[in-house]
Amino acid sequence: RGWPGDAELAAELAAPRGPGSGPYRTLLPLPVDLG
């Protein structure tokens, strides 16, 4: 699809699991409502 935000979500879905794993995990977690 390639819409805005799709690449970011796909990167997180592809990231290896575990604390601090993968390049997407360098982003700080924030409990936010995207809507």
PDB file of all heavy atoms in Angstrom:
ATOM      1  N   ARG A   1       0.816  -1.213   0.000  1.00  0.00           N
ATOM      2  CA  ARG A   1       0.000   0.000   0.000  1.00  0.00           C
ATOM      3  C   ARG A   1       0.847   1.259   0.000  1.00  0.00           C
ATOM      4  O   ARG A   1       0.619   2.158  -0.801  1.00  0.00           O
ATOM      5  CB  ARG A   1      -0.946  -0.023   1.212  1.00  0.00           C
ATOM      6  CG  ARG A   1      -1.927   1.121   1.203  1.00  0.00           C
ATOM      7  CD  ARG A   1      -2.967   0.973   2.255  1.00  0.00           C
ATOM      8  NE  ARG A   1      -2.447   1.288   3.571  1.00  0.00           N
ATOM      9  CZ  ARG A   1      -3.206   1.388   4.648  1.00  0.00           C
ATOM     10  NH1 ARG A   1      -4.502   1.180   4.577  1.00  0.00           N
ATOM     11  NH2 ARG A   1      -2.668   1.685   5.814  1.00  0.00           N
ATOM     12  N   GLY A   2       1.805   1.383   0.913  1.00  0.00           N
ATOM     13  CA  GLY A   2       2.725   2.517   0.933  1.00  0.00           C
ATOM     14  C   GLY A   2       2.137   3.857   1.306  1.00  0.00           C
ATOM     15  O   GLY A   2       2.633   4.892   0.873  1.00  0.00           O
ATOM     16  N   TRP A   3       1.120   3.902   2.135  1.00  0.00           N
ATOM     17  CA  TRP A   3       0.554   5.173   2.595  1.00  0.00           C
ATOM     18  C   TRP A   3       1.441   5.767   3.677  1.00  0.00           C
ATOM     19  O   TRP A   3       2.307   5.089   4.228  1.00  0.00           O
ATOM     20  CB  TRP A   3      -0.840   4.958   3.163  1.00  0.00           C
ATOM     21  CG  TRP A   3      -1.911   4.661   2.160  1.00  0.00           C
ATOM     22  CD1 TRP A   3      -1.774   4.520   0.811  1.00  0.00           C
ATOM     23  CD2 TRP A   3      -3.288   4.452   2.447  1.00  0.00           C
ATOM     24  NE1 TRP A   3      -2.980   4.242   0.247  1.00  0.00           N
ATOM     25  CE2 TRP A   3      -3.942   4.197   1.223  1.00  0.00           C
ATOM     26  CE3 TRP A   3      -4.044   4.452   3.608  1.00  0.00           C
ATOM     27  CZ2 TRP A   3      -5.299   3.953   1.139  1.00  0.00           C
ATOM     28  CZ3 TRP A   3      -5.401   4.206   3.524  1.00  0.00           C
ATOM     29  CH2 TRP A   3      -6.017   3.966   2.298  1.00  0.00           C
ATOM     30  N   PRO A   4       1.226   7.051   4.040  1.00  0.00           N
ATOM     31  CA  PRO A   4       1.994   7.640   5.142  1.00  0.00           C
ATOM     32  C   PRO A   4       1.843   6.790   6.405  1.00  0.00           C
ATOM     33  O   PRO A   4       0.739   6.372   6.748  1.00  0.00           O
ATOM     34  CB  PRO A   4       1.345   9.017   5.347  1.00  0.00           C
ATOM     35  CG  PRO A   4       0.744   9.336   4.025  1.00  0.00           C
ATOM     36  CD  PRO A   4       0.284   8.019   3.453  1.00  0.00           C
ATOM     37  N   GLY A   5       2.968   6.527   7.044  1.00  0.00           N
ATOM     38  CA  GLY A   5       2.962   5.751   8.272  1.00  0.00           C
ATOM     39  C   GLY A   5       3.044   4.249   8.072  1.00  0.00           C
ATOM     40  O   GLY A   5       3.335   3.516   9.016  1.00  0.00           O
ATOM     41  N   ASP A   6       2.795   3.778   6.847  1.00  0.00           N
ATOM     42  CA  ASP A   6       2.846   2.339   6.594  1.00  0.00           C
ATOM     43  C   ASP A   6       4.259   1.790   6.745  1.00  0.00           C
ATOM     44  O   ASP A   6       4.461   0.719   7.322  1.00  0.00           O
ATOM     45  CB  ASP A   6       2.290   2.002   5.209  1.00  0.00           C
ATOM     46  CG  ASP A   6       0.778   2.106   5.123  1.00  0.00           C
ATOM     47  OD1 ASP A   6       0.127   2.357   6.163  1.00  0.00           O
ATOM     48  OD2 ASP A   6       0.240   1.935   4.018  1.00  0.00           O
ATOM     49  N   ALA A   7       5.256   2.518   6.246  1.00  0.00           N
ATOM     50  CA  ALA A   7       6.649   2.054   6.354  1.00  0.00           C
ATOM     51  C   ALA A   7       7.079   1.988   7.817  1.00  0.00           C
ATOM     52  O   ALA A   7       7.778   1.049   8.221  1.00  0.00           O
ATOM     53  CB  ALA A   7       7.583   2.966   5.567  1.00  0.00           C
ATOM     54  N   GLU A   8       6.659   2.955   8.615  1.00  0.00           N
ATOM     55  CA  GLU A   8       7.020   2.972  10.029  1.00  0.00           C
ATOM     56  C   GLU A   8       6.404   1.781  10.764  1.00  0.00           C
ATOM     57  O   GLU A   8       7.077   1.113  11.557  1.00  0.00           O
ATOM     58  CB  GLU A   8       6.577   4.291  10.681  1.00  0.00           C
ATOM     59  CG  GLU A   8       7.358   5.500  10.219  1.00  0.00           C
ATOM     60  CD  GLU A   8       6.929   6.060   8.847  1.00  0.00           C
ATOM     61  OE1 GLU A   8       5.943   5.571   8.256  1.00  0.00           O
ATOM     62  OE2 GLU A   8       7.612   6.986   8.387  1.00  0.00           O
ATOM     63  N   LEU A   9       5.138   1.505  10.489  1.00  0.00           N
ATOM     64  CA  LEU A   9       4.473   0.372  11.135  1.00  0.00           C
ATOM     65  C   LEU A   9       5.071  -0.945  10.644  1.00  0.00           C
ATOM     66  O   LEU A   9       5.314  -1.851  11.440  1.00  0.00           O
ATOM     67  CB  LEU A   9       2.968   0.417  10.881  1.00  0.00           C
ATOM     68  CG  LEU A   9       2.136  -0.695  11.509  1.00  0.00           C
ATOM     69  CD1 LEU A   9       2.376  -0.808  13.010  1.00  0.00           C
ATOM     70  CD2 LEU A   9       0.654  -0.453  11.230  1.00  0.00           C
ATOM     71  N   ALA A  10       5.341  -1.060   9.359  1.00  0.00           N
ATOM     72  CA  ALA A  10       5.947  -2.277   8.816  1.00  0.00           C
ATOM     73  C   ALA A  10       7.320  -2.521   9.445  1.00  0.00           C
ATOM     74  O   ALA A  10       7.675  -3.668   9.755  1.00  0.00           O
ATOM     75  CB  ALA A  10       6.067  -2.189   7.298  1.00  0.00           C
ATOM     76  N   ALA A  11       8.082  -1.457   9.667  1.00  0.00           N
ATOM     77  CA  ALA A  11       9.402  -1.596  10.296  1.00  0.00           C
ATOM     78  C   ALA A  11       9.265  -2.122  11.723  1.00  0.00           C
ATOM     79  O   ALA A  11      10.044  -2.976  12.155  1.00  0.00           O
ATOM     80  CB  ALA A  11      10.140  -0.259  10.298  1.00  0.00           C
ATOM     81  N   GLU A  12       8.276  -1.637  12.440  1.00  0.00           N
ATOM     82  CA  GLU A  12       8.083  -2.128  13.799  1.00  0.00           C
ATOM     83  C   GLU A  12       7.622  -3.582  13.791  1.00  0.00           C
ATOM     84  O   GLU A  12       8.062  -4.389  14.610  1.00  0.00           O
ATOM     85  CB  GLU A  12       7.097  -1.257  14.573  1.00  0.00           C
ATOM     86  CG  GLU A  12       7.022  -1.679  16.025  1.00  0.00           C
ATOM     87  CD  GLU A  12       6.318  -0.699  16.926  1.00  0.00           C
ATOM     88  OE1 GLU A  12       5.721   0.270  16.441  1.00  0.00           O
ATOM     89  OE2 GLU A  12       6.368  -0.922  18.142  1.00  0.00           O
ATOM     90  N   LEU A  13       6.762  -3.935  12.845  1.00  0.00           N
ATOM     91  CA  LEU A  13       6.302  -5.319  12.749  1.00  0.00           C
ATOM     92  C   LEU A  13       7.435  -6.265  12.373  1.00  0.00           C
ATOM     93  O   LEU A  13       7.424  -7.432  12.751  1.00  0.00           O
ATOM     94  CB  LEU A  13       5.172  -5.427  11.721  1.00  0.00           C
ATOM     95  CG  LEU A  13       3.835  -4.811  12.145  1.00  0.00           C
ATOM     96  CD1 LEU A  13       2.916  -4.655  10.945  1.00  0.00           C
ATOM     97  CD2 LEU A  13       3.187  -5.640  13.241  1.00  0.00           C
ATOM     98  N   ALA A  14       8.420  -5.765  11.645  1.00  0.00           N
ATOM     99  CA  ALA A  14       9.554  -6.590  11.210  1.00  0.00           C
ATOM    100  C   ALA A  14      10.665  -6.646  12.239  1.00  0.00           C
ATOM    101  O   ALA A  14      11.558  -7.489  12.136  1.00  0.00           O
ATOM    102  CB  ALA A  14      10.108  -6.053   9.894  1.00  0.00           C
ATOM    103  N   ALA A  15      10.646  -5.748  13.210  1.00  0.00           N
ATOM    104  CA  ALA A  15      11.738  -5.659  14.180  1.00  0.00           C
ATOM    105  C   ALA A  15      11.832  -6.934  15.005  1.00  0.00           C
ATOM    106  O   ALA A  15      10.810  -7.480  15.417  1.00  0.00           O
ATOM    107  CB  ALA A  15      11.519  -4.458  15.098  1.00  0.00           C
ATOM    108  N   PRO A  16      13.051  -7.390  15.239  1.00  0.00           N
ATOM    109  CA  PRO A  16      13.224  -8.541  16.128  1.00  0.00           C
ATOM    110  C   PRO A  16      12.639  -8.209  17.493  1.00  0.00           C
ATOM    111  O   PRO A  16      12.692  -7.064  17.932  1.00  0.00           O
ATOM    112  CB  PRO A  16      14.735  -8.712  16.222  1.00  0.00           C
ATOM    113  CG  PRO A  16      15.307  -7.923  15.110  1.00  0.00           C
ATOM    114  CD  PRO A  16      14.315  -6.865  14.765  1.00  0.00           C
ATOM    115  N   ARG A  17      12.075  -9.193  18.132  1.00  0.00           N
ATOM    116  CA  ARG A  17      11.448  -8.965  19.438  1.00  0.00           C
ATOM    117  C   ARG A  17      12.486  -9.031  20.546  1.00  0.00           C
ATOM    118  O   ARG A  17      13.487  -9.711  20.444  1.00  0.00           O
ATOM    119  CB  ARG A  17      10.345 -10.007  19.683  1.00  0.00           C
ATOM    120  CG  ARG A  17       9.231  -9.905  18.683  1.00  0.00           C
ATOM    121  CD  ARG A  17       8.557  -8.550  18.768  1.00  0.00           C
ATOM    122  NE  ARG A  17       7.906  -8.242  17.506  1.00  0.00           N
ATOM    123  CZ  ARG A  17       7.752  -7.035  17.048  1.00  0.00           C
ATOM    124  NH1 ARG A  17       8.195  -6.017  17.698  1.00  0.00           N
ATOM    125  NH2 ARG A  17       7.150  -6.821  15.917  1.00  0.00           N
ATOM    126  N   GLY A  18      12.209  -8.303  21.571  1.00  0.00           N
ATOM    127  CA  GLY A  18      13.109  -8.271  22.715  1.00  0.00           C
ATOM    128  C   GLY A  18      13.431  -6.839  23.054  1.00  0.00           C
ATOM    129  O   GLY A  18      13.291  -5.955  22.218  1.00  0.00           O
ATOM    130  N   PRO A  19      13.851  -6.584  24.274  1.00  0.00           N
ATOM    131  CA  PRO A  19      14.131  -5.216  24.701  1.00  0.00           C
ATOM    132  C   PRO A  19      15.208  -4.560  23.843  1.00  0.00           C
ATOM    133  O   PRO A  19      16.280  -5.118  23.657  1.00  0.00           O
ATOM    134  CB  PRO A  19      14.619  -5.378  26.143  1.00  0.00           C
ATOM    135  CG  PRO A  19      14.196  -6.751  26.557  1.00  0.00           C
ATOM    136  CD  PRO A  19      14.075  -7.567  25.306  1.00  0.00           C
ATOM    137  N   GLY A  20      14.873  -3.430  23.284  1.00  0.00           N
ATOM    138  CA  GLY A  20      15.838  -2.648  22.524  1.00  0.00           C
ATOM    139  C   GLY A  20      16.254  -3.244  21.205  1.00  0.00           C
ATOM    140  O   GLY A  20      17.239  -2.826  20.624  1.00  0.00           O
ATOM    141  N   SER A  21      15.509  -4.213  20.689  1.00  0.00           N
ATOM    142  CA  SER A  21      15.900  -4.878  19.445  1.00  0.00           C
ATOM    143  C   SER A  21      15.486  -4.085  18.220  1.00  0.00           C
ATOM    144  O   SER A  21      14.432  -3.468  18.208  1.00  0.00           O
ATOM    145  CB  SER A  21      15.239  -6.255  19.357  1.00  0.00           C
ATOM    146  OG  SER A  21      15.676  -7.067  20.392  1.00  0.00           O
ATOM    147  N   GLY A  22      16.306  -4.160  17.191  1.00  0.00           N
ATOM    148  CA  GLY A  22      15.952  -3.608  15.887  1.00  0.00           C
ATOM    149  C   GLY A  22      16.054  -2.103  15.816  1.00  0.00           C
ATOM    150  O   GLY A  22      16.007  -1.410  16.824  1.00  0.00           O
ATOM    151  N   PRO A  23      16.188  -1.567  14.581  1.00  0.00           N
ATOM    152  CA  PRO A  23      16.348  -0.124  14.406  1.00  0.00           C
ATOM    153  C   PRO A  23      15.115   0.666  14.824  1.00  0.00           C
ATOM    154  O   PRO A  23      15.234   1.792  15.287  1.00  0.00           O
ATOM    155  CB  PRO A  23      16.634   0.024  12.911  1.00  0.00           C
ATOM    156  CG  PRO A  23      16.107  -1.214  12.290  1.00  0.00           C
ATOM    157  CD  PRO A  23      16.222  -2.295  13.330  1.00  0.00           C
ATOM    158  N   TYR A  24      13.917   0.095  14.661  1.00  0.00           N
ATOM    159  CA  TYR A  24      12.712   0.833  15.025  1.00  0.00           C
ATOM    160  C   TYR A  24      12.641   1.032  16.530  1.00  0.00           C
ATOM    161  O   TYR A  24      12.068   1.983  17.015  1.00  0.00           O
ATOM    162  CB  TYR A  24      11.466   0.107  14.514  1.00  0.00           C
ATOM    163  CG  TYR A  24      10.234   0.974  14.559  1.00  0.00           C
ATOM    164  CD1 TYR A  24      10.011   1.957  13.604  1.00  0.00           C
ATOM    165  CD2 TYR A  24       9.305   0.850  15.579  1.00  0.00           C
ATOM    166  CE1 TYR A  24       8.898   2.772  13.651  1.00  0.00           C
ATOM    167  CE2 TYR A  24       8.186   1.656  15.632  1.00  0.00           C
ATOM    168  CZ  TYR A  24       7.991   2.612  14.659  1.00  0.00           C
ATOM    169  OH  TYR A  24       6.891   3.426  14.708  1.00  0.00           O
ATOM    170  N   ARG A  25      13.271   0.158  17.275  1.00  0.00           N
ATOM    171  CA  ARG A  25      13.236   0.241  18.730  1.00  0.00           C
ATOM    172  C   ARG A  25      14.049   1.416  19.262  1.00  0.00           C
ATOM    173  O   ARG A  25      14.011   1.697  20.446  1.00  0.00           O
ATOM    174  CB  ARG A  25      13.736  -1.065  19.352  1.00  0.00           C
ATOM    175  CG  ARG A  25      12.835  -2.233  19.076  1.00  0.00           C
ATOM    176  CD  ARG A  25      11.550  -2.047  19.809  1.00  0.00           C
ATOM    177  NE  ARG A  25      10.657  -3.166  19.507  1.00  0.00           N
ATOM    178  CZ  ARG A  25       9.387  -3.159  19.779  1.00  0.00           C
ATOM    179  NH1 ARG A  25       8.834  -2.133  20.339  1.00  0.00           N
ATOM    180  NH2 ARG A  25       8.638  -4.186  19.481  1.00  0.00           N
ATOM    181  N   THR A  26      14.814   2.088  18.412  1.00  0.00           N
ATOM    182  CA  THR A  26      15.533   3.272  18.876  1.00  0.00           C
ATOM    183  C   THR A  26      14.574   4.429  19.109  1.00  0.00           C
ATOM    184  O   THR A  26      14.931   5.398  19.767  1.00  0.00           O
ATOM    185  CB  THR A  26      16.631   3.695  17.888  1.00  0.00           C
ATOM    186  OG1 THR A  26      16.029   4.014  16.636  1.00  0.00           O
ATOM    187  CG2 THR A  26      17.659   2.588  17.711  1.00  0.00           C
ATOM    188  N   LEU A  27      13.357   4.333  18.562  1.00  0.00           N
ATOM    189  CA  LEU A  27      12.340   5.347  18.825  1.00  0.00           C
ATOM    190  C   LEU A  27      11.799   5.137  20.231  1.00  0.00           C
ATOM    191  O   LEU A  27      11.566   4.004  20.657  1.00  0.00           O
ATOM    192  CB  LEU A  27      11.206   5.250  17.797  1.00  0.00           C
ATOM    193  CG  LEU A  27      11.592   5.488  16.343  1.00  0.00           C
ATOM    194  CD1 LEU A  27      10.382   5.291  15.441  1.00  0.00           C
ATOM    195  CD2 LEU A  27      12.192   6.858  16.150  1.00  0.00           C
ATOM    196  N   LEU A  28      11.589   6.209  20.943  1.00  0.00           N
ATOM    197  CA  LEU A  28      11.100   6.121  22.313  1.00  0.00           C
ATOM    198  C   LEU A  28       9.617   5.767  22.331  1.00  0.00           C
ATOM    199  O   LEU A  28       8.827   6.357  21.577  1.00  0.00           O
ATOM    200  CB  LEU A  28      11.319   7.453  23.026  1.00  0.00           C
ATOM    201  CG  LEU A  28      12.768   7.895  23.170  1.00  0.00           C
ATOM    202  CD1 LEU A  28      12.841   9.311  23.694  1.00  0.00           C
ATOM    203  CD2 LEU A  28      13.520   6.928  24.066  1.00  0.00           C
ATOM    204  N   PRO A  29       9.210   4.844  23.190  1.00  0.00           N
ATOM    205  CA  PRO A  29       7.791   4.497  23.280  1.00  0.00           C
ATOM    206  C   PRO A  29       6.998   5.613  23.963  1.00  0.00           C
ATOM    207  O   PRO A  29       7.474   6.209  24.939  1.00  0.00           O
ATOM    208  CB  PRO A  29       7.789   3.215  24.113  1.00  0.00           C
ATOM    209  CG  PRO A  29       9.034   3.279  24.922  1.00  0.00           C
ATOM    210  CD  PRO A  29      10.034   4.040  24.089  1.00  0.00           C
ATOM    211  N   LEU A  30       5.823   5.894  23.436  1.00  0.00           N
ATOM    212  CA  LEU A  30       4.965   6.927  24.015  1.00  0.00           C
ATOM    213  C   LEU A  30       3.520   6.443  23.950  1.00  0.00           C
ATOM    214  O   LEU A  30       3.032   6.116  22.860  1.00  0.00           O
ATOM    215  CB  LEU A  30       5.122   8.243  23.238  1.00  0.00           C
ATOM    216  CG  LEU A  30       4.362   9.449  23.770  1.00  0.00           C
ATOM    217  CD1 LEU A  30       4.866   9.851  25.158  1.00  0.00           C
ATOM    218  CD2 LEU A  30       4.502  10.623  22.811  1.00  0.00           C
ATOM    219  N   PRO A  31       2.825   6.378  25.087  1.00  0.00           N
ATOM    220  CA  PRO A  31       1.429   5.924  25.094  1.00  0.00           C
ATOM    221  C   PRO A  31       0.505   7.016  24.560  1.00  0.00           C
ATOM    222  O   PRO A  31      -0.017   7.838  25.311  1.00  0.00           O
ATOM    223  CB  PRO A  31       1.159   5.621  26.568  1.00  0.00           C
ATOM    224  CG  PRO A  31       2.071   6.547  27.303  1.00  0.00           C
ATOM    225  CD  PRO A  31       3.293   6.691  26.426  1.00  0.00           C
ATOM    226  N   VAL A  32       0.307   7.031  23.262  1.00  0.00           N
ATOM    227  CA  VAL A  32      -0.427   8.118  22.618  1.00  0.00           C
ATOM    228  C   VAL A  32      -1.532   7.556  21.733  1.00  0.00           C
ATOM    229  O   VAL A  32      -1.406   6.468  21.172  1.00  0.00           O
ATOM    230  CB  VAL A  32       0.547   9.010  21.808  1.00  0.00           C
ATOM    231  CG1 VAL A  32       1.195   8.255  20.681  1.00  0.00           C
ATOM    232  CG2 VAL A  32      -0.126  10.261  21.298  1.00  0.00           C
ATOM    233  N   ASP A  33      -2.612   8.292  21.638  1.00  0.00           N
ATOM    234  CA  ASP A  33      -3.731   7.950  20.766  1.00  0.00           C
ATOM    235  C   ASP A  33      -3.461   8.600  19.408  1.00  0.00           C
ATOM    236  O   ASP A  33      -3.490   9.825  19.286  1.00  0.00           O
ATOM    237  CB  ASP A  33      -5.025   8.478  21.385  1.00  0.00           C
ATOM    238  CG  ASP A  33      -6.257   8.224  20.542  1.00  0.00           C
ATOM    239  OD1 ASP A  33      -6.133   7.849  19.360  1.00  0.00           O
ATOM    240  OD2 ASP A  33      -7.364   8.419  21.078  1.00  0.00           O
ATOM    241  N   LEU A  34      -3.196   7.783  18.397  1.00  0.00           N
ATOM    242  CA  LEU A  34      -2.886   8.319  17.068  1.00  0.00           C
ATOM    243  C   LEU A  34      -4.057   9.106  16.484  1.00  0.00           C
ATOM    244  O   LEU A  34      -3.859  10.061  15.743  1.00  0.00           O
ATOM    245  CB  LEU A  34      -2.483   7.195  16.118  1.00  0.00           C
ATOM    246  CG  LEU A  34      -1.130   6.556  16.390  1.00  0.00           C
ATOM    247  CD1 LEU A  34      -0.891   5.371  15.462  1.00  0.00           C
ATOM    248  CD2 LEU A  34      -0.016   7.568  16.257  1.00  0.00           C
ATOM    249  N   GLY A  35      -5.268   8.717  16.821  1.00  0.00           N
ATOM    250  CA  GLY A  35      -6.436   9.468  16.352  1.00  0.00           C
ATOM    251  C   GLY A  35      -6.452  10.880  16.912  1.00  0.00           C
ATOM    252  O   GLY A  35      -6.783  11.839  16.209  1.00  0.00           O
TER     253      GLY A  35
END
